[in-house]
């Protein structure tokens, strides 16, 4: 199988070349100064005593294809917030997930909630770019980064007062993530190279990261409250990034309510 992650990264490099031509750092900094609705994503998660639901807004994915046919990011955001979302994750990658950063800007104009810019960050420039649209947190995928890339992007994000989720997929990556003490660690149950999913990935990796100072998040493949409770019972992790199962649910209110009831 083609390494999907590698293909996405190669295309992202080309996309960034075009964006940089039309958007200088200075112009992005000036645009950011005009915004006044930033929130502390990390502390919102940390201070939440119950289940934290980071609900994801995305139109499509390489694994599922089109997820939401009549896609309206504002309507989805409203439903998630109404039903108790702790934070939002907005998929901003353009080609494979059909997202864009403007969705974050639109949501922030209407709602006061921390937002993760879910994308494939490979350049510190993207930190400034994403914040200029109003994001509060970025995602760094260890398997997508080489050498000192992650250190540079992580440092830039902290300088810009953004929260950072460092995403891991295996125990080796989890060990590498421990050095990022101010980050949240996201354990992805989906292998981005093969797209295979197993929620037991969270269980096995937890042993490596359980003493990390920042909040831990289980990501992807969580279909229902039973999956979430299984993870919580095995690890104590109570923060979940959930997208497709919510987006495709016929009873969003009921499903989100059941997720929140895991901790009584």
Protein backbone atom coordinates (compact mmCIF):
# COMPACT_ATOMS: atom_id res chain seq x y z
CA UNK A 1 0.00 0.00 0.00
CA UNK A 2 1.21 3.50 -0.82
CA UNK A 3 2.32 5.43 2.25
CA UNK A 4 -0.56 7.90 2.37
CA UNK A 5 1.12 10.14 4.93
CA UNK A 6 4.17 10.59 2.71
CA UNK A 7 1.96 11.60 -0.22
CA UNK A 8 0.04 14.11 1.87
CA UNK A 9 3.27 15.68 3.12
CA UNK A 10 4.72 16.00 -0.37
CA UNK A 11 1.58 17.74 -1.58
CA UNK A 12 1.56 19.98 1.50
CA UNK A 13 5.04 21.23 0.62
CA UNK A 14 3.80 22.36 -2.79
CA UNK A 15 0.70 23.99 -1.33
CA UNK A 16 2.81 25.95 1.15
CA UNK A 17 5.02 27.34 -1.62
CA UNK A 18 1.98 29.00 -3.18
CA UNK A 19 0.61 30.29 0.12
CA UNK A 20 3.96 31.82 1.08
CA UNK A 21 4.11 33.75 -2.19
CA UNK A 22 0.85 35.51 -1.38
CA UNK A 23 1.08 35.83 2.41
CA UNK A 24 4.13 37.35 4.07
CA UNK A 25 4.85 36.76 7.74
CA UNK A 26 4.26 40.47 8.41
CA UNK A 27 0.84 40.38 6.79
CA UNK A 28 -0.12 37.34 8.84
CA UNK A 29 1.11 38.98 12.06
CA UNK A 30 -0.95 42.07 11.30
CA UNK A 31 -4.04 39.98 10.63
CA UNK A 32 -3.56 38.16 13.93
CA UNK A 33 -3.46 41.46 15.82
CA UNK A 34 -6.97 42.18 14.60
CA UNK A 35 -8.29 39.07 16.33
CA UNK A 36 -9.34 39.06 19.97
CA UNK A 37 -10.90 35.65 20.51
CA UNK A 38 -8.12 33.32 21.59
CA UNK A 39 -8.55 30.65 24.28
CA UNK A 40 -6.24 28.34 26.19
CA UNK A 41 -6.96 24.96 24.61
CA UNK A 42 -4.66 23.00 26.93
CA UNK A 43 -6.02 24.48 30.16
CA UNK A 44 -9.60 24.05 28.99
CA UNK A 45 -8.92 20.33 28.67
CA UNK A 46 -6.91 20.14 31.89
CA UNK A 47 -9.50 21.96 33.98
CA UNK A 48 -12.47 19.99 32.71
CA UNK A 49 -13.43 17.55 35.45
CA UNK A 50 -15.54 15.28 33.29
CA UNK A 51 -15.09 13.75 29.85
CA UNK A 52 -13.52 16.17 27.37
CA UNK A 53 -14.88 15.81 23.86
CA UNK A 54 -12.77 17.39 21.14
CA UNK A 55 -15.25 17.09 18.31
CA UNK A 56 -13.90 17.18 14.79
CA UNK A 57 -15.31 19.08 11.84
CA UNK A 58 -14.30 17.61 8.49
CA UNK A 59 -15.94 17.01 5.16
CA UNK A 60 -13.86 14.05 4.01
CA UNK A 61 -10.91 11.81 4.76
CA UNK A 62 -8.69 9.42 2.75
CA UNK A 63 -10.08 6.45 4.68
CA UNK A 64 -13.79 7.31 4.56
CA UNK A 65 -14.14 9.48 1.46
CA UNK A 66 -16.92 12.08 1.70
CA UNK A 67 -18.24 11.98 5.28
CA UNK A 68 -20.73 14.85 5.16
CA UNK A 69 -22.40 15.48 1.80
CA UNK A 70 -24.26 18.68 2.69
CA UNK A 71 -21.30 20.08 4.60
CA UNK A 72 -21.76 23.30 6.56
CA UNK A 73 -19.04 23.88 9.14
CA UNK A 74 -21.04 26.47 11.08
CA UNK A 75 -24.04 24.19 11.44
CA UNK A 76 -21.83 21.33 12.60
CA UNK A 77 -20.01 23.57 15.06
CA UNK A 78 -23.34 24.78 16.48
CA UNK A 79 -24.57 21.21 17.00
CA UNK A 80 -21.33 20.12 18.66
CA UNK A 81 -21.25 23.11 20.99
CA UNK A 82 -24.95 22.78 21.85
CA UNK A 83 -24.34 19.16 22.87
CA UNK A 84 -21.39 19.81 25.12
CA UNK A 85 -18.20 19.83 23.05
CA UNK A 86 -15.23 20.90 25.17
CA UNK A 87 -13.17 22.03 22.17
CA UNK A 88 -13.40 21.77 18.41
CA UNK A 89 -10.96 20.26 15.95
CA UNK A 90 -11.21 21.69 12.44
CA UNK A 91 -9.59 19.72 9.65
CA UNK A 92 -7.91 22.39 7.55
CA UNK A 93 -5.97 20.26 5.03
CA UNK A 94 -7.27 21.14 1.58
CA UNK A 95 -6.67 18.27 -0.84
CA UNK A 96 -7.35 15.05 1.05
CA UNK A 97 -9.77 16.30 3.70
CA UNK A 98 -11.37 19.15 1.73
CA UNK A 99 -10.84 21.60 4.57
CA UNK A 100 -9.53 25.13 4.88
CA UNK A 101 -8.47 27.61 7.55
CA UNK A 102 -11.35 29.95 6.78
CA UNK A 103 -13.63 27.55 8.62
CA UNK A 104 -11.83 28.38 11.88
CA UNK A 105 -12.23 32.10 11.25
CA UNK A 106 -15.95 31.67 10.55
CA UNK A 107 -16.55 29.62 13.69
CA UNK A 108 -14.60 32.02 15.90
CA UNK A 109 -16.78 34.89 14.70
CA UNK A 110 -19.83 33.11 16.05
CA UNK A 111 -18.70 31.01 19.01
CA UNK A 112 -16.32 31.26 21.94
CA UNK A 113 -14.62 27.87 22.08
CA UNK A 114 -11.00 26.68 21.76
CA UNK A 115 -10.18 25.33 18.30
CA UNK A 116 -7.47 22.97 17.11
CA UNK A 117 -6.15 23.53 13.59
CA UNK A 118 -5.89 19.90 12.46
CA UNK A 119 -3.42 19.80 9.62
CA UNK A 120 -0.04 18.46 8.61
CA UNK A 121 2.43 20.94 10.08
CA UNK A 122 5.87 20.78 8.48
CA UNK A 123 7.00 24.42 8.65
CA UNK A 124 7.02 27.07 11.43
CA UNK A 125 5.34 29.38 8.91
CA UNK A 126 2.15 27.34 9.34
CA UNK A 127 2.00 28.34 13.01
CA UNK A 128 1.72 32.02 12.13
CA UNK A 129 -0.62 31.24 9.24
CA UNK A 130 -3.00 29.17 11.36
CA UNK A 131 -3.09 31.65 14.23
CA UNK A 132 -3.95 34.42 11.80
CA UNK A 133 -7.23 32.57 11.22
CA UNK A 134 -7.92 32.26 14.95
CA UNK A 135 -6.73 28.80 15.99
CA UNK A 136 -5.79 28.11 19.61
CA UNK A 137 -3.89 24.86 19.17
CA UNK A 138 -1.90 23.04 16.50
CA UNK A 139 -1.17 19.37 15.89
CA UNK A 140 2.34 18.00 15.37
CA UNK A 141 2.50 14.48 13.95
CA UNK A 142 5.84 12.95 14.91
CA UNK A 143 5.79 10.48 12.01
CA UNK A 144 5.37 13.38 9.56
CA UNK A 145 8.40 15.34 10.75
CA UNK A 146 12.12 14.92 10.34
CA UNK A 147 15.18 16.09 12.26
CA UNK A 148 14.62 19.32 14.15
CA UNK A 149 11.42 20.22 12.35
CA UNK A 150 9.22 19.35 15.30
CA UNK A 151 11.41 21.30 17.73
CA UNK A 152 11.26 24.40 15.55
CA UNK A 153 7.49 24.25 15.04
CA UNK A 154 6.85 23.43 18.70
CA UNK A 155 8.97 26.38 19.85
CA UNK A 156 7.25 28.73 17.42
CA UNK A 157 3.83 27.64 18.65
CA UNK A 158 4.76 28.27 22.28
CA UNK A 159 6.10 31.71 21.34
CA UNK A 160 2.74 32.45 19.75
CA UNK A 161 0.89 31.30 22.90
CA UNK A 162 -0.68 28.35 21.15
CA UNK A 163 -1.27 24.96 22.70
CA UNK A 164 0.37 22.00 20.98
CA UNK A 165 -0.78 18.41 20.60
CA UNK A 166 2.09 16.08 19.79
CA UNK A 167 0.59 13.06 18.07
CA UNK A 168 2.09 9.59 18.35
CA UNK A 169 1.25 6.24 16.78
CA UNK A 170 3.68 3.80 18.40
CA UNK A 171 5.83 3.40 21.49
CA UNK A 172 8.98 4.79 19.87
CA UNK A 173 7.16 7.99 18.93
CA UNK A 174 5.63 8.13 22.41
CA UNK A 175 9.09 8.05 23.98
CA UNK A 176 10.18 10.88 21.69
CA UNK A 177 7.11 12.94 22.64
CA UNK A 178 7.96 12.98 26.34
CA UNK A 179 10.51 15.77 25.85
CA UNK A 180 7.72 18.18 24.89
CA UNK A 181 6.67 18.84 28.46
CA UNK A 182 4.30 21.71 27.68
CA UNK A 183 2.40 19.76 25.03
CA UNK A 184 -0.65 17.60 25.16
CA UNK A 185 0.04 14.12 23.81
CA UNK A 186 -2.45 12.64 21.37
CA UNK A 187 -2.41 8.89 20.86
CA UNK A 188 -3.74 8.13 17.40
CA UNK A 189 -5.49 4.80 17.08
CA UNK A 190 -5.19 5.06 13.29
CA UNK A 191 -1.94 4.16 11.59
CA UNK A 192 -1.49 7.06 9.15
CA UNK A 193 0.64 4.93 6.85
CA UNK A 194 -1.88 2.10 6.41
CA UNK A 195 -5.07 3.67 7.87
CA UNK A 196 -5.64 0.57 10.01
CA UNK A 197 -7.40 1.35 13.32
CA UNK A 198 -7.27 -0.23 16.78
CA UNK A 199 -8.32 1.46 20.02
CA UNK A 200 -5.92 -0.89 21.81
CA UNK A 201 -3.17 1.36 20.47
CA UNK A 202 -4.09 3.86 23.19
CA UNK A 203 -3.87 1.11 25.83
CA UNK A 204 -0.38 -0.02 24.84
CA UNK A 205 1.09 3.45 24.34
CA UNK A 206 -0.36 4.75 27.60
CA UNK A 207 2.28 2.85 29.54
CA UNK A 208 4.97 4.99 27.92
CA UNK A 209 3.31 8.39 28.38
CA UNK A 210 1.32 7.94 31.60
CA UNK A 211 3.64 10.22 33.59
CA UNK A 212 3.64 13.03 31.03
CA UNK A 213 2.77 16.41 32.55
CA UNK A 214 0.28 17.43 29.91
CA UNK A 215 -3.18 16.00 29.25
CA UNK A 216 -3.41 12.80 27.20
CA UNK A 217 -5.89 12.41 24.36
CA UNK A 218 -7.13 9.29 22.59
CA UNK A 219 -7.75 10.02 18.92
CA UNK A 220 -9.54 8.26 16.06
CA UNK A 221 -11.51 5.06 15.75
CA UNK A 222 -13.75 5.72 18.75
CA UNK A 223 -17.15 4.60 17.55
CA UNK A 224 -19.29 4.88 20.66
CA UNK A 225 -19.33 5.30 24.43
CA UNK A 226 -18.31 1.66 24.89
CA UNK A 227 -15.01 2.31 23.11
CA UNK A 228 -14.40 5.42 25.18
CA UNK A 229 -15.27 3.68 28.45
CA UNK A 230 -12.97 0.79 27.58
CA UNK A 231 -10.11 3.25 27.11
CA UNK A 232 -11.01 5.16 30.27
CA UNK A 233 -11.26 2.00 32.37
CA UNK A 234 -7.87 0.75 31.14
CA UNK A 235 -5.96 4.04 31.32
CA UNK A 236 -7.92 6.79 33.04
CA UNK A 237 -7.71 8.87 29.85
CA UNK A 238 -10.86 11.00 29.66
CA UNK A 239 -10.06 13.20 26.67
CA UNK A 240 -11.23 12.02 23.27
CA UNK A 241 -10.86 13.48 19.79
CA UNK A 242 -13.82 12.14 17.84
CA UNK A 243 -14.90 12.92 14.31
CA UNK A 244 -16.46 10.40 11.96
CA UNK A 245 -18.70 8.59 14.45
CA UNK A 246 -20.26 11.89 15.50
CA UNK A 247 -20.48 13.35 12.02
CA UNK A 248 -22.28 10.26 10.72
CA UNK A 249 -24.53 9.75 13.76
CA UNK A 250 -28.30 9.78 13.34
CA UNK A 251 -28.62 10.81 17.00
CA UNK A 252 -25.80 13.23 17.75
CA UNK A 253 -27.38 14.53 20.95
CA UNK A 254 -27.81 11.04 22.34
CA UNK A 255 -24.33 9.85 21.39
CA UNK A 256 -22.56 12.89 22.84
CA UNK A 257 -24.69 12.59 25.96
CA UNK A 258 -23.64 8.97 26.41
CA UNK A 259 -19.98 9.90 25.96
CA UNK A 260 -20.27 12.50 28.70
CA UNK A 261 -21.84 10.00 31.09
CA UNK A 262 -18.83 7.68 31.15
CA UNK A 263 -17.66 9.36 34.34
CA UNK A 264 -20.50 9.50 36.84
